[in-house]
Every structure is written in C-alpha cells, then in structure tokens.
Amino acid sequence: MAAMSHSKKKLLEHLRNGVYCHLGVSALHGVGVFAIRNIPKGVEPLRSLVKFEEVKFSTQELQHLPPSVR
C-alpha cells in the first residue's frame, strides 16, 4: 500500500475527531444541521479543513469513520 500524504492524514483525522454536525432532513425547514456528538465549548462545529483541493479516499480508508460522516 502506498504511503498516505500528510494532508490526507490530516483530513482523515479531522473527519474522525473533528466533525460534529451533518446536514439532514428537517421537518420544520426542509434541510437542517444536526449534531452527531457533543460539541465542546469553544469548538467551531462547522469548520472545514477542505479549502480548494480535492482529496480522494478509497473505501478502505473511510471504513473506520462514523457512518454519519462517511
């Protein structure tokens, strides 16, 4: 297996431990933002590490992420 780049490792770590919300169907507004875990005080839950670079992952690399993040 080829070595994983630093940016890819950083993004996977963020997906594993830094994602606190997901978009879903809201009965009131059509689309809503829903917490998937407790959000610690001071954390920006909608912060993303993805800027303009597209990063591709294999199914194997994503298998240990929470289902709501995958």
N, C-alpha and C. Protein backbone atom coordinates (compact mmCIF):
# COMPACT_ATOMS: atom_id res chain seq x y z
N MET A 1 0.84 -1.18 0.00
CA MET A 1 0.00 0.00 0.00
C MET A 1 0.89 1.24 0.00
N ALA A 2 0.58 2.24 -0.81
CA ALA A 2 1.37 3.46 -0.91
C ALA A 2 1.21 4.30 0.34
N ALA A 3 2.25 5.08 0.66
CA ALA A 3 2.21 5.96 1.83
C ALA A 3 1.15 7.05 1.63
N MET A 4 0.49 7.41 2.70
CA MET A 4 -0.56 8.42 2.65
C MET A 4 0.07 9.80 2.84
N SER A 5 -0.39 10.80 2.07
CA SER A 5 0.16 12.15 2.18
C SER A 5 -0.23 12.78 3.51
N HIS A 6 0.54 13.78 3.92
CA HIS A 6 0.28 14.48 5.19
C HIS A 6 -1.10 15.12 5.18
N SER A 7 -1.47 15.78 4.07
CA SER A 7 -2.78 16.45 4.02
C SER A 7 -3.92 15.44 4.07
N LYS A 8 -3.72 14.28 3.49
CA LYS A 8 -4.75 13.25 3.53
C LYS A 8 -4.90 12.70 4.95
N LYS A 9 -3.76 12.49 5.65
CA LYS A 9 -3.80 12.03 7.04
C LYS A 9 -4.50 13.07 7.92
N LYS A 10 -4.18 14.34 7.69
CA LYS A 10 -4.77 15.42 8.49
C LYS A 10 -6.29 15.47 8.27
N LEU A 11 -6.73 15.32 7.03
CA LEU A 11 -8.15 15.35 6.73
C LEU A 11 -8.87 14.14 7.33
N LEU A 12 -8.28 12.96 7.25
CA LEU A 12 -8.89 11.77 7.86
C LEU A 12 -9.02 11.94 9.37
N GLU A 13 -7.99 12.50 10.01
CA GLU A 13 -8.04 12.74 11.45
C GLU A 13 -9.17 13.73 11.78
N HIS A 14 -9.32 14.75 10.97
CA HIS A 14 -10.40 15.72 11.16
C HIS A 14 -11.76 15.04 11.01
N LEU A 15 -11.92 14.20 10.01
CA LEU A 15 -13.19 13.50 9.80
C LEU A 15 -13.50 12.56 10.97
N ARG A 16 -12.45 11.95 11.52
CA ARG A 16 -12.62 11.02 12.64
C ARG A 16 -13.00 11.74 13.94
N ASN A 17 -12.35 12.88 14.20
CA ASN A 17 -12.47 13.51 15.52
C ASN A 17 -13.00 14.94 15.51
N GLY A 18 -13.08 15.57 14.35
CA GLY A 18 -13.44 16.99 14.32
C GLY A 18 -14.76 17.30 13.66
N VAL A 19 -15.50 16.30 13.21
CA VAL A 19 -16.80 16.55 12.59
C VAL A 19 -17.86 16.39 13.67
N TYR A 20 -18.65 17.44 13.86
CA TYR A 20 -19.65 17.45 14.92
C TYR A 20 -21.08 17.51 14.40
N CYS A 21 -21.27 17.81 13.12
CA CYS A 21 -22.62 18.01 12.56
C CYS A 21 -22.73 17.36 11.19
N HIS A 22 -23.98 17.16 10.79
CA HIS A 22 -24.25 16.73 9.41
C HIS A 22 -25.55 17.39 8.97
N LEU A 23 -25.73 17.49 7.68
CA LEU A 23 -26.97 18.02 7.12
C LEU A 23 -27.98 16.89 7.05
N GLY A 24 -29.22 17.21 7.31
CA GLY A 24 -30.27 16.20 7.24
C GLY A 24 -31.62 16.83 6.95
N VAL A 25 -32.63 16.02 6.86
CA VAL A 25 -33.98 16.48 6.58
C VAL A 25 -34.58 17.04 7.86
N SER A 26 -35.09 18.25 7.79
CA SER A 26 -35.74 18.91 8.92
C SER A 26 -37.24 18.98 8.66
N ALA A 27 -38.02 18.54 9.62
CA ALA A 27 -39.48 18.62 9.48
C ALA A 27 -39.96 20.06 9.42
N LEU A 28 -39.18 20.98 9.98
CA LEU A 28 -39.59 22.39 10.01
C LEU A 28 -39.10 23.20 8.83
N HIS A 29 -37.86 22.95 8.39
CA HIS A 29 -37.26 23.83 7.39
C HIS A 29 -36.73 23.12 6.14
N GLY A 30 -37.00 21.87 5.98
CA GLY A 30 -36.54 21.15 4.79
C GLY A 30 -35.17 20.53 4.98
N VAL A 31 -34.17 21.37 5.25
CA VAL A 31 -32.81 20.90 5.50
C VAL A 31 -32.35 21.52 6.81
N GLY A 32 -31.70 20.70 7.64
CA GLY A 32 -31.21 21.20 8.91
C GLY A 32 -29.82 20.70 9.20
N VAL A 33 -29.17 21.35 10.16
CA VAL A 33 -27.85 20.95 10.63
C VAL A 33 -28.07 20.23 11.95
N PHE A 34 -27.57 19.00 12.05
CA PHE A 34 -27.80 18.17 13.23
C PHE A 34 -26.47 17.74 13.85
N ALA A 35 -26.38 17.83 15.17
CA ALA A 35 -25.18 17.38 15.88
C ALA A 35 -25.11 15.85 15.83
N ILE A 36 -23.91 15.31 15.66
CA ILE A 36 -23.72 13.86 15.68
C ILE A 36 -22.96 13.43 16.93
N ARG A 37 -22.49 14.42 17.73
CA ARG A 37 -21.82 14.17 19.01
C ARG A 37 -21.85 15.47 19.80
N ASN A 38 -21.52 15.39 21.09
CA ASN A 38 -21.46 16.61 21.89
C ASN A 38 -20.42 17.56 21.31
N ILE A 39 -20.75 18.84 21.32
CA ILE A 39 -19.84 19.85 20.79
C ILE A 39 -19.23 20.60 21.97
N PRO A 40 -17.92 20.44 22.18
CA PRO A 40 -17.27 21.10 23.31
C PRO A 40 -17.33 22.63 23.18
N LYS A 41 -17.40 23.31 24.31
CA LYS A 41 -17.40 24.76 24.34
C LYS A 41 -16.16 25.29 23.63
N GLY A 42 -16.33 26.29 22.79
CA GLY A 42 -15.22 26.91 22.07
C GLY A 42 -14.91 26.28 20.72
N VAL A 43 -15.55 25.17 20.39
CA VAL A 43 -15.33 24.50 19.11
C VAL A 43 -16.22 25.11 18.04
N GLU A 44 -15.67 25.36 16.86
CA GLU A 44 -16.46 25.82 15.73
C GLU A 44 -16.95 24.58 14.98
N PRO A 45 -18.20 24.15 15.19
CA PRO A 45 -18.65 22.86 14.65
C PRO A 45 -18.79 22.82 13.13
N LEU A 46 -18.82 23.95 12.46
CA LEU A 46 -18.97 23.94 11.00
C LEU A 46 -17.66 24.23 10.28
N ARG A 47 -16.56 24.24 11.00
CA ARG A 47 -15.24 24.49 10.41
C ARG A 47 -14.84 23.31 9.53
N SER A 48 -14.27 23.62 8.39
CA SER A 48 -13.82 22.57 7.48
C SER A 48 -12.34 22.76 7.18
N LEU A 49 -11.63 21.67 7.00
CA LEU A 49 -10.23 21.74 6.61
C LEU A 49 -10.06 21.76 5.11
N VAL A 50 -11.11 21.49 4.38
CA VAL A 50 -11.03 21.43 2.92
C VAL A 50 -11.09 22.85 2.37
N LYS A 51 -10.08 23.23 1.62
CA LYS A 51 -10.05 24.56 1.01
C LYS A 51 -10.51 24.42 -0.45
N PHE A 52 -9.58 24.24 -1.36
CA PHE A 52 -9.92 24.14 -2.76
C PHE A 52 -9.36 22.87 -3.39
N GLU A 53 -8.64 22.09 -2.61
CA GLU A 53 -8.02 20.87 -3.11
C GLU A 53 -8.99 19.70 -2.99
N GLU A 54 -9.11 18.92 -4.04
CA GLU A 54 -9.94 17.73 -4.00
C GLU A 54 -9.08 16.58 -3.49
N VAL A 55 -9.60 15.86 -2.51
CA VAL A 55 -8.89 14.73 -1.93
C VAL A 55 -9.73 13.49 -2.16
N LYS A 56 -9.12 12.43 -2.71
CA LYS A 56 -9.84 11.19 -2.98
C LYS A 56 -9.41 10.14 -1.96
N PHE A 57 -10.40 9.39 -1.44
CA PHE A 57 -10.16 8.33 -0.48
C PHE A 57 -10.69 7.01 -1.03
N SER A 58 -10.04 5.94 -0.66
CA SER A 58 -10.55 4.62 -1.01
C SER A 58 -11.60 4.23 0.04
N THR A 59 -12.40 3.24 -0.28
CA THR A 59 -13.40 2.73 0.67
C THR A 59 -12.71 2.24 1.93
N GLN A 60 -11.58 1.60 1.79
CA GLN A 60 -10.83 1.07 2.94
C GLN A 60 -10.38 2.20 3.87
N GLU A 61 -9.95 3.33 3.31
CA GLU A 61 -9.50 4.44 4.14
C GLU A 61 -10.65 5.07 4.94
N LEU A 62 -11.87 4.94 4.46
CA LEU A 62 -13.02 5.56 5.12
C LEU A 62 -13.79 4.61 6.02
N GLN A 63 -13.44 3.34 6.03
CA GLN A 63 -14.25 2.35 6.73
C GLN A 63 -14.34 2.56 8.25
N HIS A 64 -13.37 3.24 8.86
CA HIS A 64 -13.39 3.41 10.31
C HIS A 64 -14.01 4.73 10.74
N LEU A 65 -14.55 5.50 9.81
CA LEU A 65 -15.24 6.73 10.16
C LEU A 65 -16.66 6.43 10.63
N PRO A 66 -17.22 7.29 11.47
CA PRO A 66 -18.60 7.08 11.87
C PRO A 66 -19.51 7.07 10.63
N PRO A 67 -20.53 6.25 10.60
CA PRO A 67 -21.40 6.16 9.42
C PRO A 67 -21.99 7.50 8.99
N SER A 68 -22.33 8.35 9.94
CA SER A 68 -22.91 9.64 9.58
C SER A 68 -21.90 10.58 8.93
N VAL A 69 -20.63 10.32 9.09
CA VAL A 69 -19.58 11.13 8.46
C VAL A 69 -19.24 10.61 7.08
N ARG A 70 -19.30 9.28 6.91
CA ARG A 70 -18.97 8.70 5.61
C ARG A 70 -19.91 9.24 4.57
